[in-house]
């Protein structure tokens, strides 16, 4: 699969359209765009998604972002779908943007073609 970088960012950045699915209820799903972030240890959901689809709550984790501040964030179980791929994982919910981290990215082969503004996933 090859997709263009997202123009939602300046400069354009690699992002993928994904579905977040509740492992408790496969009918509970939200589609969103996720920034591909190889610097993020884990996947982060924008606030509000977990409640929308009743993701199972597992506890809290301390998360430190690029600004160095540590924040407490809820940890949830979720399924991430990017057909033909489907991954069950643990996610944190924080902020206003969904980010695909290395917990998912390390299961894929990615090619970032910056000059052509294309992301290839296999």
PDB file of N, CA and C in Angstrom:
ATOM      1  N   UNK A   1       0.852  -1.163   0.000  1.00  0.00           N
ATOM      2  CA  UNK A   1       0.000   0.000   0.000  1.00  0.00           C
ATOM      3  C   UNK A   1       0.901   1.230   0.000  1.00  0.00           C
ATOM      4  N   UNK A   2       0.594   2.177  -0.827  1.00  0.00           N
ATOM      5  CA  UNK A   2       1.338   3.427  -0.909  1.00  0.00           C
ATOM      6  C   UNK A   2       0.348   4.587  -0.815  1.00  0.00           C
ATOM      7  N   UNK A   3       0.642   5.542   0.065  1.00  0.00           N
ATOM      8  CA  UNK A   3      -0.258   6.682   0.266  1.00  0.00           C
ATOM      9  C   UNK A   3       0.553   7.975   0.285  1.00  0.00           C
ATOM     10  N   UNK A   4      -0.064   9.060  -0.160  1.00  0.00           N
ATOM     11  CA  UNK A   4       0.645  10.347  -0.107  1.00  0.00           C
ATOM     12  C   UNK A   4       0.748  10.843   1.331  1.00  0.00           C
ATOM     13  N   UNK A   5       1.772  11.643   1.591  1.00  0.00           N
ATOM     14  CA  UNK A   5       1.885  12.300   2.885  1.00  0.00           C
ATOM     15  C   UNK A   5       0.647  13.176   3.098  1.00  0.00           C
ATOM     16  N   UNK A   6       0.351  13.446   4.348  1.00  0.00           N
ATOM     17  CA  UNK A   6      -0.803  14.277   4.695  1.00  0.00           C
ATOM     18  C   UNK A   6      -0.440  15.759   4.609  1.00  0.00           C
ATOM     19  N   UNK A   7      -1.308  16.515   3.961  1.00  0.00           N
ATOM     20  CA  UNK A   7      -1.157  17.971   3.899  1.00  0.00           C
ATOM     21  C   UNK A   7      -1.686  18.659   5.161  1.00  0.00           C
ATOM     22  N   UNK A   8      -2.168  17.865   6.135  1.00  0.00           N
ATOM     23  CA  UNK A   8      -2.634  18.433   7.401  1.00  0.00           C
ATOM     24  C   UNK A   8      -1.471  18.982   8.222  1.00  0.00           C
ATOM     25  N   UNK A   9      -0.237  18.666   7.808  1.00  0.00           N
ATOM     26  CA  UNK A   9       0.961  19.085   8.522  1.00  0.00           C
ATOM     27  C   UNK A   9       1.800  19.963   7.611  1.00  0.00           C
ATOM     28  N   UNK A  10       2.603  20.828   8.223  1.00  0.00           N
ATOM     29  CA  UNK A  10       3.516  21.674   7.470  1.00  0.00           C
ATOM     30  C   UNK A  10       4.900  21.522   8.068  1.00  0.00           C
ATOM     31  N   UNK A  11       5.833  20.910   7.398  1.00  0.00           N
ATOM     32  CA  UNK A  11       5.706  20.333   6.057  1.00  0.00           C
ATOM     33  C   UNK A  11       4.859  19.054   6.087  1.00  0.00           C
ATOM     34  N   UNK A  12       4.406  18.581   4.905  1.00  0.00           N
ATOM     35  CA  UNK A  12       3.597  17.358   4.845  1.00  0.00           C
ATOM     36  C   UNK A  12       4.292  16.210   5.579  1.00  0.00           C
ATOM     37  N   UNK A  13       3.486  15.327   6.185  1.00  0.00           N
ATOM     38  CA  UNK A  13       4.022  14.244   7.013  1.00  0.00           C
ATOM     39  C   UNK A  13       3.330  12.927   6.695  1.00  0.00           C
ATOM     40  N   UNK A  14       4.010  11.804   6.971  1.00  0.00           N
ATOM     41  CA  UNK A  14       3.383  10.504   6.732  1.00  0.00           C
ATOM     42  C   UNK A  14       2.260  10.253   7.738  1.00  0.00           C
ATOM     43  N   UNK A  15       1.108   9.861   7.222  1.00  0.00           N
ATOM     44  CA  UNK A  15      -0.054   9.560   8.056  1.00  0.00           C
ATOM     45  C   UNK A  15      -0.858   8.469   7.365  1.00  0.00           C
ATOM     46  N   UNK A  16      -1.585   7.698   8.169  1.00  0.00           N
ATOM     47  CA  UNK A  16      -2.400   6.610   7.635  1.00  0.00           C
ATOM     48  C   UNK A  16      -3.827   6.722   8.147  1.00  0.00           C
ATOM     49  N   UNK A  17      -4.779   6.392   7.303  1.00  0.00           N
ATOM     50  CA  UNK A  17      -6.170   6.282   7.725  1.00  0.00           C
ATOM     51  C   UNK A  17      -6.338   4.922   8.379  1.00  0.00           C
ATOM     52  N   UNK A  18      -6.822   4.930   9.623  1.00  0.00           N
ATOM     53  CA  UNK A  18      -6.959   3.695  10.386  1.00  0.00           C
ATOM     54  C   UNK A  18      -8.355   3.626  10.986  1.00  0.00           C
ATOM     55  N   UNK A  19      -8.708   2.439  11.461  1.00  0.00           N
ATOM     56  CA  UNK A  19      -9.907   2.264  12.281  1.00  0.00           C
ATOM     57  C   UNK A  19      -9.446   1.786  13.645  1.00  0.00           C
ATOM     58  N   UNK A  20     -10.046   2.348  14.676  1.00  0.00           N
ATOM     59  CA  UNK A  20      -9.810   1.896  16.040  1.00  0.00           C
ATOM     60  C   UNK A  20     -11.068   1.147  16.440  1.00  0.00           C
ATOM     61  N   UNK A  21     -10.869  -0.100  16.881  1.00  0.00           N
ATOM     62  CA  UNK A  21     -11.986  -1.000  17.149  1.00  0.00           C
ATOM     63  C   UNK A  21     -11.906  -1.468  18.598  1.00  0.00           C
ATOM     64  N   UNK A  22     -13.043  -1.561  19.234  1.00  0.00           N
ATOM     65  CA  UNK A  22     -13.087  -2.080  20.596  1.00  0.00           C
ATOM     66  C   UNK A  22     -13.028  -3.598  20.572  1.00  0.00           C
ATOM     67  N   UNK A  23     -12.110  -4.211  21.344  1.00  0.00           N
ATOM     68  CA  UNK A  23     -12.068  -5.675  21.404  1.00  0.00           C
ATOM     69  C   UNK A  23     -13.299  -6.257  22.097  1.00  0.00           C
ATOM     70  N   UNK A  24     -14.042  -5.422  22.843  1.00  0.00           N
ATOM     71  CA  UNK A  24     -15.256  -5.876  23.524  1.00  0.00           C
ATOM     72  C   UNK A  24     -16.447  -5.922  22.587  1.00  0.00           C
ATOM     73  N   UNK A  25     -16.432  -5.064  21.550  1.00  0.00           N
ATOM     74  CA  UNK A  25     -17.604  -4.880  20.713  1.00  0.00           C
ATOM     75  C   UNK A  25     -17.132  -4.469  19.327  1.00  0.00           C
ATOM     76  N   UNK A  26     -17.054  -5.427  18.416  1.00  0.00           N
ATOM     77  CA  UNK A  26     -16.508  -5.140  17.078  1.00  0.00           C
ATOM     78  C   UNK A  26     -17.324  -4.099  16.319  1.00  0.00           C
ATOM     79  N   UNK A  27     -18.561  -3.853  16.759  1.00  0.00           N
ATOM     80  CA  UNK A  27     -19.356  -2.809  16.110  1.00  0.00           C
ATOM     81  C   UNK A  27     -18.875  -1.428  16.532  1.00  0.00           C
ATOM     82  N   UNK A  28     -18.175  -1.358  17.671  1.00  0.00           N
ATOM     83  CA  UNK A  28     -17.632  -0.085  18.134  1.00  0.00           C
ATOM     84  C   UNK A  28     -16.352   0.234  17.399  1.00  0.00           C
ATOM     85  N   UNK A  29     -16.414   1.187  16.479  1.00  0.00           N
ATOM     86  CA  UNK A  29     -15.227   1.545  15.710  1.00  0.00           C
ATOM     87  C   UNK A  29     -15.259   3.021  15.356  1.00  0.00           C
ATOM     88  N   UNK A  30     -14.059   3.599  15.294  1.00  0.00           N
ATOM     89  CA  UNK A  30     -13.888   4.994  14.892  1.00  0.00           C
ATOM     90  C   UNK A  30     -12.814   5.028  13.823  1.00  0.00           C
ATOM     91  N   UNK A  31     -13.085   5.738  12.755  1.00  0.00           N
ATOM     92  CA  UNK A  31     -12.076   5.939  11.707  1.00  0.00           C
ATOM     93  C   UNK A  31     -11.417   7.296  11.941  1.00  0.00           C
ATOM     94  N   UNK A  32     -10.086   7.296  11.779  1.00  0.00           N
ATOM     95  CA  UNK A  32      -9.338   8.534  11.991  1.00  0.00           C
ATOM     96  C   UNK A  32      -8.033   8.469  11.211  1.00  0.00           C
ATOM     97  N   UNK A  33      -7.385   9.585  11.102  1.00  0.00           N
ATOM     98  CA  UNK A  33      -6.058   9.641  10.489  1.00  0.00           C
ATOM     99  C   UNK A  33      -5.024   9.669  11.610  1.00  0.00           C
ATOM    100  N   UNK A  34      -3.963   8.871  11.446  1.00  0.00           N
ATOM    101  CA  UNK A  34      -2.925   8.780  12.476  1.00  0.00           C
ATOM    102  C   UNK A  34      -1.577   9.176  11.895  1.00  0.00           C
ATOM    103  N   UNK A  35      -0.895  10.067  12.593  1.00  0.00           N
ATOM    104  CA  UNK A  35       0.459  10.456  12.227  1.00  0.00           C
ATOM    105  C   UNK A  35       1.385   9.266  12.446  1.00  0.00           C
ATOM    106  N   UNK A  36       2.235   8.962  11.489  1.00  0.00           N
ATOM    107  CA  UNK A  36       3.240   7.903  11.624  1.00  0.00           C
ATOM    108  C   UNK A  36       4.441   8.531  12.326  1.00  0.00           C
ATOM    109  N   UNK A  37       4.712   8.058  13.567  1.00  0.00           N
ATOM    110  CA  UNK A  37       5.739   8.689  14.393  1.00  0.00           C
ATOM    111  C   UNK A  37       6.715   7.637  14.910  1.00  0.00           C
ATOM    112  N   UNK A  38       7.847   7.483  14.231  1.00  0.00           N
ATOM    113  CA  UNK A  38       8.843   6.493  14.636  1.00  0.00           C
ATOM    114  C   UNK A  38       9.536   6.878  15.938  1.00  0.00           C
ATOM    115  N   UNK A  39       9.334   8.085  16.421  1.00  0.00           N
ATOM    116  CA  UNK A  39       9.913   8.519  17.683  1.00  0.00           C
ATOM    117  C   UNK A  39       9.024   8.225  18.882  1.00  0.00           C
ATOM    118  N   UNK A  40       7.803   7.773  18.629  1.00  0.00           N
ATOM    119  CA  UNK A  40       6.869   7.467  19.715  1.00  0.00           C
ATOM    120  C   UNK A  40       6.947   5.985  20.067  1.00  0.00           C
ATOM    121  N   UNK A  41       7.185   5.686  21.341  1.00  0.00           N
ATOM    122  CA  UNK A  41       7.259   4.285  21.776  1.00  0.00           C
ATOM    123  C   UNK A  41       5.953   3.546  21.516  1.00  0.00           C
ATOM    124  N   UNK A  42       4.837   4.220  21.762  1.00  0.00           N
ATOM    125  CA  UNK A  42       3.540   3.557  21.654  1.00  0.00           C
ATOM    126  C   UNK A  42       2.538   4.385  20.891  1.00  0.00           C
ATOM    127  N   UNK A  43       1.394   3.785  20.650  1.00  0.00           N
ATOM    128  CA  UNK A  43       0.304   4.446  19.937  1.00  0.00           C
ATOM    129  C   UNK A  43      -0.513   5.278  20.922  1.00  0.00           C
ATOM    130  N   UNK A  44      -0.852   6.486  20.489  1.00  0.00           N
ATOM    131  CA  UNK A  44      -1.614   7.438  21.295  1.00  0.00           C
ATOM    132  C   UNK A  44      -2.915   7.750  20.553  1.00  0.00           C
ATOM    133  N   UNK A  45      -4.029   7.696  21.271  1.00  0.00           N
ATOM    134  CA  UNK A  45      -5.320   8.093  20.694  1.00  0.00           C
ATOM    135  C   UNK A  45      -5.664   9.497  21.156  1.00  0.00           C
ATOM    136  N   UNK A  46      -6.282  10.260  20.256  1.00  0.00           N
ATOM    137  CA  UNK A  46      -6.758  11.569  20.674  1.00  0.00           C
ATOM    138  C   UNK A  46      -7.874  11.382  21.690  1.00  0.00           C
ATOM    139  N   UNK A  47      -7.974  12.321  22.622  1.00  0.00           N
ATOM    140  CA  UNK A  47      -8.963  12.229  23.695  1.00  0.00           C
ATOM    141  C   UNK A  47     -10.382  12.132  23.131  1.00  0.00           C
ATOM    142  N   UNK A  48     -11.171  11.280  23.743  1.00  0.00           N
ATOM    143  CA  UNK A  48     -12.570  11.114  23.369  1.00  0.00           C
ATOM    144  C   UNK A  48     -12.865   9.839  22.611  1.00  0.00           C
ATOM    145  N   UNK A  49     -11.870   9.288  21.921  1.00  0.00           N
ATOM    146  CA  UNK A  49     -12.103   8.089  21.115  1.00  0.00           C
ATOM    147  C   UNK A  49     -12.462   6.900  22.000  1.00  0.00           C
ATOM    148  N   UNK A  50     -11.750   6.721  23.109  1.00  0.00           N
ATOM    149  CA  UNK A  50     -11.980   5.559  23.976  1.00  0.00           C
ATOM    150  C   UNK A  50     -13.416   5.516  24.481  1.00  0.00           C
ATOM    151  N   UNK A  51     -13.938   6.650  24.907  1.00  0.00           N
ATOM    152  CA  UNK A  51     -15.308   6.697  25.414  1.00  0.00           C
ATOM    153  C   UNK A  51     -16.324   6.438  24.305  1.00  0.00           C
ATOM    154  N   UNK A  52     -16.033   6.917  23.099  1.00  0.00           N
ATOM    155  CA  UNK A  52     -16.946   6.730  21.965  1.00  0.00           C
ATOM    156  C   UNK A  52     -17.226   5.264  21.688  1.00  0.00           C
ATOM    157  N   UNK A  53     -16.204   4.423  21.835  1.00  0.00           N
ATOM    158  CA  UNK A  53     -16.365   3.008  21.458  1.00  0.00           C
ATOM    159  C   UNK A  53     -16.126   2.058  22.628  1.00  0.00           C
ATOM    160  N   UNK A  54     -16.103   2.587  23.846  1.00  0.00           N
ATOM    161  CA  UNK A  54     -15.986   1.775  25.070  1.00  0.00           C
ATOM    162  C   UNK A  54     -14.764   0.855  25.066  1.00  0.00           C
ATOM    163  N   UNK A  55     -13.592   1.431  24.844  1.00  0.00           N
ATOM    164  CA  UNK A  55     -12.375   0.629  24.915  1.00  0.00           C
ATOM    165  C   UNK A  55     -12.148   0.197  26.365  1.00  0.00           C
ATOM    166  N   UNK A  56     -11.705  -1.040  26.581  1.00  0.00           N
ATOM    167  CA  UNK A  56     -11.449  -1.514  27.945  1.00  0.00           C
ATOM    168  C   UNK A  56     -10.308  -0.727  28.610  1.00  0.00           C
ATOM    169  N   UNK A  57     -10.598  -0.201  29.799  1.00  0.00           N
ATOM    170  CA  UNK A  57      -9.641   0.583  30.580  1.00  0.00           C
ATOM    171  C   UNK A  57      -8.743  -0.371  31.362  1.00  0.00           C
ATOM    172  N   UNK A  58      -7.418  -0.133  31.327  1.00  0.00           N
ATOM    173  CA  UNK A  58      -6.456  -0.997  32.006  1.00  0.00           C
ATOM    174  C   UNK A  58      -5.730  -0.305  33.160  1.00  0.00           C
ATOM    175  N   UNK A  59      -5.754   1.017  33.205  1.00  0.00           N
ATOM    176  CA  UNK A  59      -5.039   1.740  34.252  1.00  0.00           C
ATOM    177  C   UNK A  59      -4.493   3.053  33.718  1.00  0.00           C
ATOM    178  N   UNK A  60      -3.415   3.518  34.342  1.00  0.00           N
ATOM    179  CA  UNK A  60      -2.787   4.775  33.937  1.00  0.00           C
ATOM    180  C   UNK A  60      -1.293   4.562  33.734  1.00  0.00           C
ATOM    181  N   UNK A  61      -0.708   5.398  32.896  1.00  0.00           N
ATOM    182  CA  UNK A  61       0.730   5.371  32.643  1.00  0.00           C
ATOM    183  C   UNK A  61       1.232   6.817  32.621  1.00  0.00           C
ATOM    184  N   UNK A  62       2.475   7.014  33.008  1.00  0.00           N
ATOM    185  CA  UNK A  62       3.106   8.327  32.888  1.00  0.00           C
ATOM    186  C   UNK A  62       3.699   8.433  31.487  1.00  0.00           C
ATOM    187  N   UNK A  63       3.342   9.483  30.779  1.00  0.00           N
ATOM    188  CA  UNK A  63       3.790   9.703  29.400  1.00  0.00           C
ATOM    189  C   UNK A  63       4.584  10.995  29.356  1.00  0.00           C
ATOM    190  N   UNK A  64       5.742  10.954  28.704  1.00  0.00           N
ATOM    191  CA  UNK A  64       6.556  12.159  28.542  1.00  0.00           C
ATOM    192  C   UNK A  64       6.646  12.470  27.057  1.00  0.00           C
ATOM    193  N   UNK A  65       6.257  13.668  26.680  1.00  0.00           N
ATOM    194  CA  UNK A  65       6.279  14.076  25.288  1.00  0.00           C
ATOM    195  C   UNK A  65       7.541  14.831  24.928  1.00  0.00           C
ATOM    196  N   UNK A  66       7.519  15.465  23.793  1.00  0.00           N
ATOM    197  CA  UNK A  66       8.696  16.163  23.286  1.00  0.00           C
ATOM    198  C   UNK A  66       9.065  17.375  24.130  1.00  0.00           C
ATOM    199  N   UNK A  67       8.117  17.872  24.918  1.00  0.00           N
ATOM    200  CA  UNK A  67       8.398  19.041  25.752  1.00  0.00           C
ATOM    201  C   UNK A  67       8.984  18.662  27.100  1.00  0.00           C
ATOM    202  N   UNK A  68       9.101  17.353  27.374  1.00  0.00           N
ATOM    203  CA  UNK A  68       9.724  16.887  28.599  1.00  0.00           C
ATOM    204  C   UNK A  68       8.799  16.781  29.795  1.00  0.00           C
ATOM    205  N   UNK A  69       7.570  17.300  29.680  1.00  0.00           N
ATOM    206  CA  UNK A  69       6.624  17.203  30.789  1.00  0.00           C
ATOM    207  C   UNK A  69       6.077  15.778  30.876  1.00  0.00           C
ATOM    208  N   UNK A  70       5.890  15.307  32.080  1.00  0.00           N
ATOM    209  CA  UNK A  70       5.304  13.991  32.304  1.00  0.00           C
ATOM    210  C   UNK A  70       3.832  14.168  32.664  1.00  0.00           C
ATOM    211  N   UNK A  71       2.961  13.392  32.015  1.00  0.00           N
ATOM    212  CA  UNK A  71       1.526  13.458  32.271  1.00  0.00           C
ATOM    213  C   UNK A  71       0.993  12.058  32.488  1.00  0.00           C
ATOM    214  N   UNK A  72      -0.058  11.957  33.274  1.00  0.00           N
ATOM    215  CA  UNK A  72      -0.742  10.688  33.470  1.00  0.00           C
ATOM    216  C   UNK A  72      -1.770  10.527  32.343  1.00  0.00           C
ATOM    217  N   UNK A  73      -1.791   9.339  31.729  1.00  0.00           N
ATOM    218  CA  UNK A  73      -2.724   9.081  30.628  1.00  0.00           C
ATOM    219  C   UNK A  73      -3.383   7.722  30.834  1.00  0.00           C
ATOM    220  N   UNK A  74      -4.671   7.617  30.505  1.00  0.00           N
ATOM    221  CA  UNK A  74      -5.330   6.322  30.590  1.00  0.00           C
ATOM    222  C   UNK A  74      -4.738   5.339  29.581  1.00  0.00           C
ATOM    223  N   UNK A  75      -4.660   4.082  29.988  1.00  0.00           N
ATOM    224  CA  UNK A  75      -4.178   2.997  29.129  1.00  0.00           C
ATOM    225  C   UNK A  75      -5.369   2.107  28.818  1.00  0.00           C
ATOM    226  N   UNK A  76      -5.506   1.744  27.531  1.00  0.00           N
ATOM    227  CA  UNK A  76      -6.668   1.000  27.073  1.00  0.00           C
ATOM    228  C   UNK A  76      -6.249  -0.092  26.109  1.00  0.00           C
ATOM    229  N   UNK A  77      -7.094  -1.095  25.976  1.00  0.00           N
ATOM    230  CA  UNK A  77      -6.868  -2.146  24.987  1.00  0.00           C
ATOM    231  C   UNK A  77      -7.669  -1.774  23.739  1.00  0.00           C
ATOM    232  N   UNK A  78      -7.031  -1.902  22.570  1.00  0.00           N
ATOM    233  CA  UNK A  78      -7.697  -1.533  21.313  1.00  0.00           C
ATOM    234  C   UNK A  78      -7.198  -2.419  20.181  1.00  0.00           C
ATOM    235  N   UNK A  79      -7.977  -2.446  19.132  1.00  0.00           N
ATOM    236  CA  UNK A  79      -7.571  -3.086  17.883  1.00  0.00           C
ATOM    237  C   UNK A  79      -7.383  -1.967  16.865  1.00  0.00           C
ATOM    238  N   UNK A  80      -6.237  -1.984  16.192  1.00  0.00           N
ATOM    239  CA  UNK A  80      -5.943  -1.010  15.137  1.00  0.00           C
ATOM    240  C   UNK A  80      -6.048  -1.741  13.802  1.00  0.00           C
ATOM    241  N   UNK A  81      -6.890  -1.216  12.917  1.00  0.00           N
ATOM    242  CA  UNK A  81      -7.062  -1.817  11.592  1.00  0.00           C
ATOM    243  C   UNK A  81      -6.610  -0.861  10.502  1.00  0.00           C
ATOM    244  N   UNK A  82      -5.794  -1.395   9.598  1.00  0.00           N
ATOM    245  CA  UNK A  82      -5.370  -0.721   8.372  1.00  0.00           C
ATOM    246  C   UNK A  82      -5.368  -1.832   7.330  1.00  0.00           C
ATOM    247  N   UNK A  83      -6.528  -2.137   6.746  1.00  0.00           N
ATOM    248  CA  UNK A  83      -6.587  -3.316   5.867  1.00  0.00           C
ATOM    249  C   UNK A  83      -5.418  -3.352   4.892  1.00  0.00           C
ATOM    250  N   UNK A  84      -4.761  -4.504   4.801  1.00  0.00           N
ATOM    251  CA  UNK A  84      -5.162  -5.813   5.310  1.00  0.00           C
ATOM    252  C   UNK A  84      -4.634  -6.123   6.711  1.00  0.00           C
ATOM    253  N   UNK A  85      -4.122  -5.139   7.429  1.00  0.00           N
ATOM    254  CA  UNK A  85      -3.492  -5.371   8.721  1.00  0.00           C
ATOM    255  C   UNK A  85      -4.475  -5.132   9.860  1.00  0.00           C
ATOM    256  N   UNK A  86      -4.313  -5.942  10.929  1.00  0.00           N
ATOM    257  CA  UNK A  86      -5.153  -5.820  12.122  1.00  0.00           C
ATOM    258  C   UNK A  86      -4.292  -6.191  13.327  1.00  0.00           C
ATOM    259  N   UNK A  87      -4.154  -5.253  14.273  1.00  0.00           N
ATOM    260  CA  UNK A  87      -3.282  -5.454  15.429  1.00  0.00           C
ATOM    261  C   UNK A  87      -4.039  -5.173  16.719  1.00  0.00           C
ATOM    262  N   UNK A  88      -3.986  -6.118  17.664  1.00  0.00           N
ATOM    263  CA  UNK A  88      -4.482  -5.834  19.008  1.00  0.00           C
ATOM    264  C   UNK A  88      -3.304  -5.289  19.800  1.00  0.00           C
ATOM    265  N   UNK A  89      -3.533  -4.199  20.515  1.00  0.00           N
ATOM    266  CA  UNK A  89      -2.436  -3.536  21.213  1.00  0.00           C
ATOM    267  C   UNK A  89      -2.953  -2.780  22.428  1.00  0.00           C
ATOM    268  N   UNK A  90      -2.034  -2.204  23.149  1.00  0.00           N
ATOM    269  CA  UNK A  90      -2.327  -1.329  24.284  1.00  0.00           C
ATOM    270  C   UNK A  90      -2.039   0.097  23.818  1.00  0.00           C
ATOM    271  N   UNK A  91      -2.968   1.013  24.093  1.00  0.00           N
ATOM    272  CA  UNK A  91      -2.804   2.404  23.672  1.00  0.00           C
ATOM    273  C   UNK A  91      -2.973   3.326  24.873  1.00  0.00           C
ATOM    274  N   UNK A  92      -2.473   4.539  24.746  1.00  0.00           N
ATOM    275  CA  UNK A  92      -2.732   5.589  25.734  1.00  0.00           C
ATOM    276  C   UNK A  92      -3.623   6.626  25.065  1.00  0.00           C
ATOM    277  N   UNK A  93      -4.389   7.349  25.866  1.00  0.00           N
ATOM    278  CA  UNK A  93      -5.251   8.402  25.333  1.00  0.00           C
ATOM    279  C   UNK A  93      -4.769   9.733  25.884  1.00  0.00           C
ATOM    280  N   UNK A  94      -4.388  10.635  24.967  1.00  0.00           N
ATOM    281  CA  UNK A  94      -3.776  11.891  25.393  1.00  0.00           C
ATOM    282  C   UNK A  94      -3.800  12.887  24.239  1.00  0.00           C
ATOM    283  N   UNK A  95      -4.234  14.086  24.499  1.00  0.00           N
ATOM    284  CA  UNK A  95      -4.115  15.156  23.515  1.00  0.00           C
ATOM    285  C   UNK A  95      -5.138  15.101  22.396  1.00  0.00           C
ATOM    286  N   UNK A  96      -4.845  15.850  21.351  1.00  0.00           N
ATOM    287  CA  UNK A  96      -5.799  16.032  20.271  1.00  0.00           C
ATOM    288  C   UNK A  96      -5.401  15.401  18.961  1.00  0.00           C
ATOM    289  N   UNK A  97      -4.497  14.429  19.003  1.00  0.00           N
ATOM    290  CA  UNK A  97      -4.023  13.828  17.753  1.00  0.00           C
ATOM    291  C   UNK A  97      -3.765  12.337  17.968  1.00  0.00           C
ATOM    292  N   UNK A  98      -4.126  11.526  16.974  1.00  0.00           N
ATOM    293  CA  UNK A  98      -3.826  10.098  17.031  1.00  0.00           C
ATOM    294  C   UNK A  98      -2.462   9.869  16.389  1.00  0.00           C
ATOM    295  N   UNK A  99      -1.625   9.098  17.081  1.00  0.00           N
ATOM    296  CA  UNK A  99      -0.249   8.845  16.650  1.00  0.00           C
ATOM    297  C   UNK A  99      -0.001   7.347  16.630  1.00  0.00           C
ATOM    298  N   UNK A 100       0.475   6.839  15.497  1.00  0.00           N
ATOM    299  CA  UNK A 100       0.906   5.441  15.419  1.00  0.00           C
ATOM    300  C   UNK A 100       2.356   5.369  15.847  1.00  0.00           C
ATOM    301  N   UNK A 101       2.611   4.651  16.937  1.00  0.00           N
ATOM    302  CA  UNK A 101       3.958   4.527  17.462  1.00  0.00           C
ATOM    303  C   UNK A 101       4.608   3.209  17.071  1.00  0.00           C
ATOM    304  N   UNK A 102       5.802   2.995  17.628  1.00  0.00           N
ATOM    305  CA  UNK A 102       6.588   1.814  17.256  1.00  0.00           C
ATOM    306  C   UNK A 102       5.959   0.494  17.677  1.00  0.00           C
ATOM    307  N   UNK A 103       5.012   0.516  18.641  1.00  0.00           N
ATOM    308  CA  UNK A 103       4.345  -0.733  18.999  1.00  0.00           C
ATOM    309  C   UNK A 103       3.622  -1.328  17.788  1.00  0.00           C
ATOM    310  N   UNK A 104       3.155  -0.492  16.881  1.00  0.00           N
ATOM    311  CA  UNK A 104       2.521  -0.934  15.628  1.00  0.00           C
ATOM    312  C   UNK A 104       3.518  -0.885  14.478  1.00  0.00           C
ATOM    313  N   UNK A 105       4.266   0.203  14.369  1.00  0.00           N
ATOM    314  CA  UNK A 105       5.164   0.391  13.222  1.00  0.00           C
ATOM    315  C   UNK A 105       6.228  -0.701  13.118  1.00  0.00           C
ATOM    316  N   UNK A 106       6.693  -1.228  14.259  1.00  0.00           N
ATOM    317  CA  UNK A 106       7.715  -2.275  14.221  1.00  0.00           C
ATOM    318  C   UNK A 106       7.187  -3.604  13.695  1.00  0.00           C
ATOM    319  N   UNK A 107       5.898  -3.704  13.482  1.00  0.00           N
ATOM    320  CA  UNK A 107       5.304  -4.914  12.905  1.00  0.00           C
ATOM    321  C   UNK A 107       5.147  -4.798  11.384  1.00  0.00           C
ATOM    322  N   UNK A 108       5.543  -3.662  10.844  1.00  0.00           N
ATOM    323  CA  UNK A 108       5.355  -3.362   9.426  1.00  0.00           C
ATOM    324  C   UNK A 108       6.685  -3.008   8.781  1.00  0.00           C
ATOM    325  N   UNK A 109       6.723  -3.090   7.464  1.00  0.00           N
ATOM    326  CA  UNK A 109       7.846  -2.568   6.700  1.00  0.00           C
ATOM    327  C   UNK A 109       7.395  -1.229   6.113  1.00  0.00           C
ATOM    328  N   UNK A 110       8.105  -0.173   6.473  1.00  0.00           N
ATOM    329  CA  UNK A 110       7.744   1.182   6.031  1.00  0.00           C
ATOM    330  C   UNK A 110       8.838   1.755   5.144  1.00  0.00           C
ATOM    331  N   UNK A 111       8.411   2.504   4.152  1.00  0.00           N
ATOM    332  CA  UNK A 111       9.366   3.253   3.328  1.00  0.00           C
ATOM    333  C   UNK A 111       8.859   4.679   3.219  1.00  0.00           C
ATOM    334  N   UNK A 112       9.656   5.611   3.740  1.00  0.00           N
ATOM    335  CA  UNK A 112       9.324   7.025   3.650  1.00  0.00           C
ATOM    336  C   UNK A 112      10.079   7.615   2.473  1.00  0.00           C
ATOM    337  N   UNK A 113       9.339   8.066   1.476  1.00  0.00           N
ATOM    338  CA  UNK A 113       9.944   8.684   0.298  1.00  0.00           C
ATOM    339  C   UNK A 113       9.651  10.181   0.375  1.00  0.00           C
ATOM    340  N   UNK A 114      10.522  10.895   1.111  1.00  0.00           N
ATOM    341  CA  UNK A 114      10.326  12.321   1.330  1.00  0.00           C
ATOM    342  C   UNK A 114      10.249  13.153   0.058  1.00  0.00           C
ATOM    343  N   UNK A 115      11.178  12.966  -0.909  1.00  0.00           N
ATOM    344  CA  UNK A 115      11.114  13.779  -2.119  1.00  0.00           C
ATOM    345  C   UNK A 115       9.797  13.612  -2.887  1.00  0.00           C
ATOM    346  N   UNK A 116       9.214  12.415  -2.834  1.00  0.00           N
ATOM    347  CA  UNK A 116       7.941  12.174  -3.541  1.00  0.00           C
ATOM    348  C   UNK A 116       6.730  12.323  -2.623  1.00  0.00           C
ATOM    349  N   UNK A 117       6.998  12.579  -1.315  1.00  0.00           N
ATOM    350  CA  UNK A 117       5.920  12.718  -0.320  1.00  0.00           C
ATOM    351  C   UNK A 117       5.003  11.497  -0.327  1.00  0.00           C
ATOM    352  N   UNK A 118       5.612  10.303  -0.280  1.00  0.00           N
ATOM    353  CA  UNK A 118       4.864   9.042  -0.307  1.00  0.00           C
ATOM    354  C   UNK A 118       5.315   8.147   0.843  1.00  0.00           C
ATOM    355  N   UNK A 119       4.347   7.448   1.441  1.00  0.00           N
ATOM    356  CA  UNK A 119       4.589   6.440   2.460  1.00  0.00           C
ATOM    357  C   UNK A 119       4.152   5.096   1.889  1.00  0.00           C
ATOM    358  N   UNK A 120       5.057   4.112   1.916  1.00  0.00           N
ATOM    359  CA  UNK A 120       4.726   2.756   1.473  1.00  0.00           C
ATOM    360  C   UNK A 120       4.749   1.835   2.681  1.00  0.00           C
ATOM    361  N   UNK A 121       3.734   0.995   2.793  1.00  0.00           N
ATOM    362  CA  UNK A 121       3.586   0.073   3.916  1.00  0.00           C
ATOM    363  C   UNK A 121       3.425  -1.332   3.365  1.00  0.00           C
ATOM    364  N   UNK A 122       4.205  -2.267   3.928  1.00  0.00           N
ATOM    365  CA  UNK A 122       4.026  -3.680   3.547  1.00  0.00           C
ATOM    366  C   UNK A 122       4.374  -4.566   4.727  1.00  0.00           C
TER     367      UNK A 122
END
